[in-house]
Amino acid sequence: MYVLLLKVVTLSFFLYSKISFSDERTEVCATLVNVINVNTKAYKNCLMQKSGENFTREELNRCKKYYITEIERLSYVYKNICRDKS
């Protein structure tokens, strides 16, 4: 779980550096979609776990809260960068 968190944080910094180049917008948007998908899968993994087997209820609740917050943040960034402003 923490390895995935490290990957998401690293990818977030990568995205931040990429956003400044408008000609690479398509690549940034594709990367955002991939990161949202990774976070969605991690969130689903938290949902499918049963408390007491591998993780406590508190750990699973923190996991769910973290990933849903990340999904919301990334979705907001995607909406503001990638959606056509027509």
Protein backbone atom coordinates (compact mmCIF):
# COMPACT_ATOMS: atom_id res chain seq x y z
CA MET A 1 0.00 0.00 0.00
CA TYR A 2 2.84 2.42 0.86
CA VAL A 3 4.69 1.59 -2.35
CA LEU A 4 1.61 2.60 -4.31
CA LEU A 5 1.41 5.82 -2.29
CA LEU A 6 5.02 6.61 -3.14
CA LYS A 7 4.31 6.03 -6.84
CA VAL A 8 1.27 8.32 -6.73
CA VAL A 9 3.21 11.10 -4.99
CA THR A 10 6.06 10.78 -7.49
CA LEU A 11 3.64 10.87 -10.38
CA SER A 12 1.92 13.92 -8.88
CA PHE A 13 5.21 15.84 -8.87
CA PHE A 14 5.82 14.70 -12.42
CA LEU A 15 2.41 16.02 -13.43
CA TYR A 16 3.03 19.34 -11.75
CA SER A 17 6.18 19.85 -13.80
CA LYS A 18 4.41 18.81 -17.01
CA ILE A 19 1.46 21.18 -16.62
CA SER A 20 3.59 24.23 -17.34
CA PHE A 21 4.05 23.19 -20.97
CA SER A 22 0.81 23.78 -22.85
CA ASP A 23 1.98 21.91 -25.96
CA GLU A 24 2.17 18.72 -23.89
CA ARG A 25 -1.39 19.02 -22.65
CA THR A 26 -2.53 15.81 -24.33
CA GLU A 27 0.21 13.81 -22.64
CA VAL A 28 -0.59 15.37 -19.28
CA CYS A 29 -4.27 14.55 -19.66
CA ALA A 30 -3.51 10.93 -20.55
CA THR A 31 -1.23 10.69 -17.52
CA LEU A 32 -3.93 12.18 -15.31
CA VAL A 33 -6.39 9.56 -16.52
CA ASN A 34 -3.88 6.82 -15.74
CA VAL A 35 -3.22 8.20 -12.25
CA ILE A 36 -6.95 8.49 -11.57
CA ASN A 37 -7.35 4.85 -12.63
CA VAL A 38 -4.52 3.74 -10.32
CA ASN A 39 -6.09 5.59 -7.40
CA THR A 40 -9.51 4.15 -8.22
CA LYS A 41 -8.11 0.61 -8.17
CA ALA A 42 -6.35 1.29 -4.87
CA TYR A 43 -9.59 2.69 -3.42
CA LYS A 44 -11.50 -0.40 -4.57
CA ASN A 45 -8.83 -2.55 -2.96
CA CYS A 46 -9.42 -0.72 0.34
CA LEU A 47 -13.17 -1.29 -0.03
CA MET A 48 -12.78 -5.02 -0.67
CA GLN A 49 -10.59 -5.68 2.38
CA LYS A 50 -12.20 -7.00 5.54
CA SER A 51 -11.13 -5.38 8.76
CA GLY A 52 -9.19 -7.65 11.06
CA GLU A 53 -7.73 -9.90 8.35
CA ASN A 54 -4.76 -7.84 7.15
CA PHE A 55 -5.60 -4.35 8.37
CA THR A 56 -7.50 -2.77 11.22
CA ARG A 57 -10.73 -0.90 10.62
CA GLU A 58 -8.94 2.40 11.27
CA GLU A 59 -6.26 1.61 8.69
CA LEU A 60 -8.88 0.73 6.10
CA ASN A 61 -10.84 3.91 6.83
CA ARG A 62 -7.66 5.98 6.42
CA CYS A 63 -6.93 4.13 3.19
CA LYS A 64 -10.41 4.85 1.82
CA LYS A 65 -10.29 8.50 2.89
CA TYR A 66 -6.84 9.03 1.38
CA TYR A 67 -7.66 7.55 -2.02
CA ILE A 68 -11.07 9.18 -2.36
CA THR A 69 -9.44 12.53 -1.55
CA GLU A 70 -6.74 11.91 -4.17
CA ILE A 71 -9.35 10.92 -6.76
CA GLU A 72 -11.28 14.13 -6.06
CA ARG A 73 -8.14 16.28 -6.34
CA LEU A 74 -6.98 14.64 -9.54
CA SER A 75 -10.47 14.88 -11.03
CA TYR A 76 -10.52 18.60 -10.25
CA VAL A 77 -7.14 19.06 -11.95
CA TYR A 78 -8.32 17.02 -14.94
CA LYS A 79 -11.50 19.06 -15.21
CA ASN A 80 -9.61 22.35 -15.19
CA ILE A 81 -6.78 21.35 -17.53
CA CYS A 82 -8.16 18.78 -19.92
CA ARG A 83 -11.75 19.68 -20.58
CA ASP A 84 -12.38 21.91 -23.56
CA LYS A 85 -13.27 25.42 -22.53
CA SER A 86 -15.95 25.97 -25.15
